[in-house]
């Protein structure tokens, strides 16, 4: 960043759907990137920011149609711009004026940070600059592929967060595990505790001190040495499927955190070079229209190819 910046004139912004429901302090921090937080709170406390001509607290939530007076602020100018994310546009499964659903490829983080300069949300913002708001409604691990909801309106985002907290968004995943899973359906209710490793890496373990976590596991297909499972999440804890199944002795194929590392090496040689976890289906009531939405994303080619290899191996063994 340069030490110099440019002073903005007084601005008057009218609040639209994208910003309605957001706190005024968060709205200003997002609008004036590069301005110190302390300065934003100082102008709020000093009454220089007005909403509909009146002073407001930093906790004030903006309402559709509010007119916000923003005083001049010195915004630091970046010395260089981050190039727009490369690669082909993300596949959009559904879109309306409130939300969009994308089919995230494996290997792409949902957002920048932790050594990743940009992820799905940054790529979408770069590809769709005309959209005033794009925010993740939930997350997927970097190696997990599949369906991801992104909100285009603050009201949709708030409603989706409430729905997820109350278990009203049905999320189902497909995963491959070593061994022969026998139960057609099994409820897994084991509390999960989140912690950081000495290296600062985020991990999860089964612990009575943890938060309640509930997964429903269904058997889809079985081979001599592997089982394809569908896992429905009733709670959305970090790494929930990975830790629940590893705890039961069925670590996910290709999982580099909780998996069988020796087996992963073998699987890599056989063509599975990623974690076998795919967000295959989503079902929920549209947060604004009330319409029931159901989305499905077929297994990516690399996972289908590996299953085809298992079929071939089984056929040869019985042939």
Protein backbone atom coordinates (compact mmCIF):
# COMPACT_ATOMS: atom_id res chain seq x y z
CA UNK A 1 0.00 0.00 0.00
CA UNK A 2 1.18 3.57 -0.61
CA UNK A 3 1.30 6.00 2.29
CA UNK A 4 -0.60 8.55 0.26
CA UNK A 5 -4.22 8.08 -0.61
CA UNK A 6 -7.09 9.83 -2.22
CA UNK A 7 -9.67 11.81 -0.29
CA UNK A 8 -13.24 11.01 -1.23
CA UNK A 9 -15.98 13.65 -1.37
CA UNK A 10 -19.12 13.35 0.77
CA UNK A 11 -21.15 10.45 -0.56
CA UNK A 12 -24.81 9.63 -0.29
CA UNK A 13 -25.65 5.96 -0.74
CA UNK A 14 -29.14 4.49 -0.93
CA UNK A 15 -29.39 1.02 0.61
CA UNK A 16 -30.50 -1.72 -1.78
CA UNK A 17 -31.33 -5.42 -1.29
CA UNK A 18 -27.66 -6.39 -1.23
CA UNK A 19 -26.88 -4.27 1.87
CA UNK A 20 -30.23 -4.34 3.70
CA UNK A 21 -29.87 -6.08 7.06
CA UNK A 22 -26.13 -5.38 7.38
CA UNK A 23 -24.71 -3.47 10.35
CA UNK A 24 -23.64 0.08 9.48
CA UNK A 25 -20.07 -0.47 10.80
CA UNK A 26 -19.58 -3.58 8.62
CA UNK A 27 -21.13 -1.77 5.64
CA UNK A 28 -18.65 1.12 5.99
CA UNK A 29 -15.65 -1.17 6.50
CA UNK A 30 -16.54 -3.05 3.32
CA UNK A 31 -17.20 0.16 1.37
CA UNK A 32 -13.99 1.92 2.44
CA UNK A 33 -11.35 -0.78 2.12
CA UNK A 34 -8.00 0.47 3.38
CA UNK A 35 -9.50 2.84 5.95
CA UNK A 36 -8.43 1.90 9.52
CA UNK A 37 -11.21 0.42 11.66
CA UNK A 38 -10.49 2.98 14.36
CA UNK A 39 -11.24 5.81 11.90
CA UNK A 40 -14.54 4.23 10.81
CA UNK A 41 -15.68 3.94 14.46
CA UNK A 42 -14.49 7.49 15.20
CA UNK A 43 -16.62 9.03 12.42
CA UNK A 44 -19.60 6.89 13.54
CA UNK A 45 -19.25 8.00 17.17
CA UNK A 46 -18.72 11.59 16.09
CA UNK A 47 -22.01 11.61 14.17
CA UNK A 48 -20.34 12.29 10.79
CA UNK A 49 -22.13 9.29 9.32
CA UNK A 50 -25.87 9.92 9.08
CA UNK A 51 -28.70 7.57 8.15
CA UNK A 52 -31.79 9.42 6.90
CA UNK A 53 -30.24 12.56 8.41
CA UNK A 54 -29.80 11.09 11.91
CA UNK A 55 -26.87 9.81 13.95
CA UNK A 56 -26.78 6.02 14.45
CA UNK A 57 -24.97 3.52 16.64
CA UNK A 58 -22.34 1.24 15.01
CA UNK A 59 -24.75 -1.67 15.64
CA UNK A 60 -27.57 -0.08 13.60
CA UNK A 61 -28.86 -2.48 10.94
CA UNK A 62 -29.50 -0.91 7.57
CA UNK A 63 -33.01 -1.00 6.10
CA UNK A 64 -33.93 -1.11 2.41
CA UNK A 65 -34.20 2.47 1.14
CA UNK A 66 -32.09 4.07 3.92
CA UNK A 67 -30.00 7.01 2.74
CA UNK A 68 -26.49 6.98 4.22
CA UNK A 69 -24.31 10.10 4.33
CA UNK A 70 -20.64 9.11 4.28
CA UNK A 71 -18.09 11.88 5.07
CA UNK A 72 -14.82 12.26 3.14
CA UNK A 73 -12.36 9.48 4.03
CA UNK A 74 -8.79 8.98 2.95
CA UNK A 75 -8.59 5.60 1.23
CA UNK A 76 -5.18 4.02 0.73
CA UNK A 77 -4.43 3.15 -2.86
CA UNK A 78 -2.95 -0.28 -3.58
CA UNK A 79 0.47 -0.23 -5.19
CA UNK A 80 -0.51 -3.17 -7.37
CA UNK A 81 -3.71 -4.92 -8.26
CA UNK A 82 -4.24 -8.64 -7.83
CA UNK A 83 -4.82 -10.15 -11.25
CA UNK A 84 -8.27 -11.55 -11.95
CA UNK A 85 -8.48 -15.26 -11.20
CA UNK A 86 -7.61 -17.37 -14.19
CA UNK A 87 -9.42 -20.47 -15.31
CA UNK A 88 -12.79 -21.19 -16.79
CA UNK A 89 -15.92 -19.76 -15.20
CA UNK A 90 -17.37 -21.80 -12.36
CA UNK A 91 -20.32 -23.97 -13.41
CA UNK A 92 -23.54 -22.32 -12.21
CA UNK A 93 -26.31 -24.85 -11.49
CA UNK A 94 -28.98 -22.28 -10.55
CA UNK A 95 -29.31 -18.52 -10.35
CA UNK A 96 -31.98 -15.96 -9.57
CA UNK A 97 -31.88 -12.47 -8.10
CA UNK A 98 -31.37 -13.77 -4.51
CA UNK A 99 -28.84 -16.59 -4.78
CA UNK A 100 -26.80 -18.82 -7.01
CA UNK A 101 -25.66 -22.42 -6.67
CA UNK A 102 -22.32 -23.44 -8.15
CA UNK A 103 -20.73 -26.85 -8.71
CA UNK A 104 -17.30 -26.33 -7.11
CA UNK A 105 -14.38 -28.31 -8.53
CA UNK A 106 -12.05 -30.18 -6.17
CA UNK A 107 -8.82 -28.37 -5.26
CA UNK A 108 -10.36 -24.89 -5.18
CA UNK A 109 -10.77 -23.16 -1.81
CA UNK A 110 -14.10 -21.44 -1.19
CA UNK A 111 -12.31 -18.19 -0.27
CA UNK A 112 -8.83 -16.69 -0.15
CA UNK A 113 -6.62 -16.90 2.94
CA UNK A 114 -4.28 -19.48 4.52
CA UNK A 115 -1.81 -19.19 1.67
CA UNK A 116 -4.50 -19.12 -1.04
CA UNK A 117 -4.75 -15.77 -2.82
CA UNK A 118 -8.31 -16.32 -4.05
CA UNK A 119 -11.02 -18.92 -4.04
CA UNK A 120 -14.53 -19.48 -5.35
CA UNK A 121 -15.97 -16.26 -3.91
CA UNK A 122 -13.14 -14.07 -5.27
CA UNK A 123 -13.44 -15.72 -8.68
CA UNK A 124 -17.21 -15.16 -8.77
CA UNK A 125 -16.78 -11.49 -7.77
CA UNK A 126 -14.17 -11.07 -10.49
CA UNK A 127 -16.33 -12.76 -13.13
CA UNK A 128 -19.52 -10.95 -12.07
CA UNK A 129 -18.46 -7.39 -11.21
CA UNK A 130 -22.00 -6.12 -11.83
CA UNK A 131 -23.27 -7.94 -8.71
CA UNK A 132 -23.09 -5.72 -5.62
CA UNK A 133 -23.03 -8.60 -3.17
CA UNK A 134 -21.80 -12.18 -3.29
CA UNK A 135 -21.35 -14.02 0.02
CA UNK A 136 -20.90 -17.71 0.87
CA UNK A 137 -23.94 -19.21 2.60
CA UNK A 138 -21.85 -22.19 3.77
CA UNK A 139 -18.48 -23.81 3.07
CA UNK A 140 -16.90 -26.85 1.50
CA UNK A 141 -13.38 -28.14 2.20
CA UNK A 142 -10.89 -27.33 -0.53
CA UNK A 143 -10.66 -30.95 -1.76
CA UNK A 144 -14.43 -31.49 -1.66
CA UNK A 145 -16.27 -30.98 -4.94
CA UNK A 146 -19.94 -30.24 -5.45
CA UNK A 147 -22.82 -27.94 -4.66
CA UNK A 148 -22.22 -24.61 -2.91
CA UNK A 149 -24.78 -21.85 -2.22
CA UNK A 150 -23.80 -18.20 -2.68
CA UNK A 151 -26.15 -15.38 -1.62
CA UNK A 152 -26.72 -12.26 -3.74
CA UNK A 153 -28.88 -10.48 -1.15
CA UNK A 154 -28.30 -9.86 2.54
CA UNK A 155 -31.87 -11.01 3.35
CA UNK A 156 -31.27 -14.32 1.54
CA UNK A 157 -27.95 -14.83 3.35
CA UNK A 158 -29.47 -14.22 6.79
CA UNK A 159 -32.40 -16.55 6.04
CA UNK A 160 -30.09 -19.30 4.71
CA UNK A 161 -27.90 -19.09 7.83
CA UNK A 162 -31.02 -19.47 10.01
CA UNK A 163 -32.24 -22.42 7.91
CA UNK A 164 -28.87 -24.18 8.17
CA UNK A 165 -28.69 -23.62 11.93
CA UNK A 166 -32.18 -25.14 12.25
CA UNK A 167 -31.36 -28.10 9.98
CA UNK A 168 -33.75 -27.04 7.21
CA UNK A 169 -31.22 -27.40 4.39
CA UNK A 170 -30.77 -31.03 3.36
CA UNK A 171 -27.16 -31.69 2.31
CA UNK A 172 -26.07 -35.10 1.02
CA UNK A 173 -22.55 -36.17 0.11
CA UNK A 174 -21.04 -39.18 -1.64
CA UNK A 175 -17.82 -40.71 -0.36
CA UNK A 176 -15.75 -43.85 -0.87
CA UNK A 177 -14.25 -45.64 2.13
CA UNK A 178 -12.02 -48.72 2.44
CA UNK A 179 -13.67 -51.82 3.92
CA UNK A 180 -17.15 -53.32 3.80
CA UNK A 181 -19.79 -51.07 5.36
CA UNK A 182 -22.69 -53.32 6.36
CA UNK A 183 -25.54 -51.16 7.73
CA UNK A 184 -28.06 -49.99 5.10
CA UNK A 185 -28.54 -46.87 7.26
CA UNK A 186 -26.73 -45.71 10.40
CA UNK A 187 -27.13 -42.59 12.56
CA UNK A 188 -23.79 -41.29 13.82
CA UNK A 189 -24.13 -38.93 16.79
CA UNK A 190 -20.66 -38.15 18.11
CA UNK A 191 -19.57 -34.70 19.45
CA UNK A 192 -16.72 -32.96 17.61
CA UNK A 193 -14.09 -30.64 19.08
CA UNK A 194 -12.20 -28.12 16.94
CA UNK A 195 -8.57 -27.28 17.77
CA UNK A 196 -5.35 -25.97 16.23
CA UNK A 197 -2.19 -28.04 15.78
CA UNK A 198 1.14 -26.54 17.00
CA UNK A 199 1.70 -25.54 13.33
CA UNK A 200 -1.55 -23.57 13.38
CA UNK A 201 -3.52 -26.03 11.25
CA UNK A 202 -7.24 -26.43 11.94
CA UNK A 203 -8.19 -29.96 13.05
CA UNK A 204 -11.18 -31.73 14.60
CA UNK A 205 -11.37 -34.70 16.94
CA UNK A 206 -14.10 -36.70 18.66
CA UNK A 207 -14.45 -35.37 22.22
CA UNK A 208 -17.12 -35.14 24.91
CA UNK A 209 -16.14 -31.43 25.18
CA UNK A 210 -17.09 -30.89 21.54
CA UNK A 211 -20.28 -29.68 19.88
CA UNK A 212 -23.08 -32.13 19.03
CA UNK A 213 -22.73 -33.57 15.51
CA UNK A 214 -25.16 -35.83 13.66
CA UNK A 215 -24.58 -37.65 10.34
CA UNK A 216 -26.85 -40.21 8.66
CA UNK A 217 -24.84 -42.75 6.64
CA UNK A 218 -26.47 -44.85 3.91
CA UNK A 219 -24.83 -47.66 1.93
CA UNK A 220 -25.01 -47.00 -1.84
CA UNK A 221 -22.71 -49.69 -3.31
CA UNK A 222 -20.11 -52.16 -2.10
CA UNK A 223 -17.10 -53.91 -3.62
CA UNK A 224 -14.73 -56.50 -2.14
CA UNK A 225 -12.56 -53.87 -0.46
CA UNK A 226 -14.50 -50.57 -0.70
CA UNK A 227 -17.91 -49.07 0.04
CA UNK A 228 -19.64 -46.09 -1.58
CA UNK A 229 -21.64 -44.19 1.05
CA UNK A 230 -24.12 -41.33 1.04
CA UNK A 231 -23.84 -39.11 4.11
CA UNK A 232 -26.62 -36.71 5.06
CA UNK A 233 -25.54 -33.91 7.38
CA UNK A 234 -27.98 -32.99 10.14
CA UNK A 235 -25.38 -30.58 11.61
CA UNK A 236 -22.66 -28.73 9.74
CA UNK A 237 -19.52 -29.08 11.85
CA UNK A 238 -16.04 -28.59 10.37
CA UNK A 239 -14.70 -31.84 8.79
CA UNK A 240 -17.77 -33.66 10.18
CA UNK A 241 -18.01 -36.48 7.61
CA UNK A 242 -14.25 -37.04 7.59
CA UNK A 243 -13.93 -37.30 11.37
CA UNK A 244 -17.14 -39.27 11.97
CA UNK A 245 -16.22 -41.96 9.43
CA UNK A 246 -12.54 -42.13 10.49
CA UNK A 247 -13.75 -42.54 14.10
CA UNK A 248 -15.80 -45.58 13.00
CA UNK A 249 -12.77 -47.11 11.27
CA UNK A 250 -13.77 -46.05 7.73
CA UNK A 251 -11.49 -43.11 6.79
CA UNK A 252 -12.25 -41.41 3.49
CA UNK A 253 -10.20 -42.56 0.50
CA UNK A 254 -7.66 -39.84 -0.30
CA UNK A 255 -8.16 -37.87 2.93
CA UNK A 256 -4.77 -36.29 3.73
CA UNK A 257 -5.74 -35.22 7.28
CA UNK A 258 -7.67 -38.07 8.84
CA UNK A 259 -7.16 -40.85 6.31
CA UNK A 260 -5.03 -43.97 5.91
CA UNK A 261 -1.85 -42.43 4.50
CA UNK A 262 -0.33 -45.72 3.28
CA UNK A 263 -3.56 -46.59 1.46
CA UNK A 264 -3.75 -43.08 -0.01
CA UNK A 265 -0.33 -43.65 -1.64
CA UNK A 266 -1.60 -46.88 -3.22
CA UNK A 267 -4.82 -45.18 -4.38
CA UNK A 268 -2.80 -42.38 -5.96
CA UNK A 269 -0.93 -44.97 -8.01
CA UNK A 270 -4.29 -46.40 -9.06
CA UNK A 271 -5.59 -43.05 -10.27
CA UNK A 272 -7.32 -41.47 -7.23
CA UNK A 273 -5.38 -38.25 -6.70
CA UNK A 274 -7.89 -36.40 -4.50
CA UNK A 275 -10.14 -36.96 -1.52
CA UNK A 276 -13.26 -38.89 -2.50
CA UNK A 277 -15.92 -36.53 -1.11
CA UNK A 278 -18.57 -34.86 -3.26
CA UNK A 279 -21.49 -32.60 -2.24
CA UNK A 280 -24.00 -34.43 -4.45
CA UNK A 281 -27.38 -32.97 -3.54
CA UNK A 282 -29.04 -30.00 -1.87
CA UNK A 283 -32.68 -29.49 -1.00
CA UNK A 284 -34.21 -26.46 0.70
CA UNK A 285 -37.06 -23.98 0.53
CA UNK A 286 -36.06 -20.78 -1.30
CA UNK A 287 -35.46 -18.22 1.49
CA UNK A 288 -37.47 -15.50 -0.26
CA UNK A 289 -40.01 -17.17 -2.59
CA UNK A 290 -40.88 -20.22 -0.47
CA UNK A 291 -40.41 -22.55 -3.47
CA UNK A 292 -38.87 -26.00 -2.79
CA UNK A 293 -35.51 -26.27 -4.60
CA UNK A 294 -33.71 -29.56 -5.27
CA UNK A 295 -30.27 -29.70 -6.91
CA UNK A 296 -28.04 -32.62 -7.84
CA UNK A 297 -24.45 -32.69 -9.07
CA UNK A 298 -23.20 -35.95 -10.62
CA UNK A 299 -19.85 -37.36 -9.52
CA UNK A 300 -16.94 -35.64 -11.30
CA UNK A 301 -15.20 -37.63 -14.05
CA UNK A 302 -12.12 -38.47 -11.95
CA UNK A 303 -14.30 -40.09 -9.24
CA UNK A 304 -16.49 -41.91 -11.79
CA UNK A 305 -13.34 -43.19 -13.51
CA UNK A 306 -12.06 -44.63 -10.24
CA UNK A 307 -15.38 -46.40 -9.61
CA UNK A 308 -15.19 -47.83 -13.16
CA UNK A 309 -11.74 -49.23 -12.26
CA UNK A 310 -13.21 -50.89 -9.17
CA UNK A 311 -15.94 -52.44 -11.35
CA UNK A 312 -13.36 -53.70 -13.85
CA UNK A 313 -11.22 -55.19 -11.07
CA UNK A 314 -14.25 -56.94 -9.55
CA UNK A 315 -15.34 -58.29 -12.95
CA UNK A 316 -11.82 -59.62 -13.62
CA UNK A 317 -11.73 -61.30 -10.20
CA UNK A 318 -15.05 -63.04 -10.85
CA UNK A 319 -14.40 -63.60 -14.55
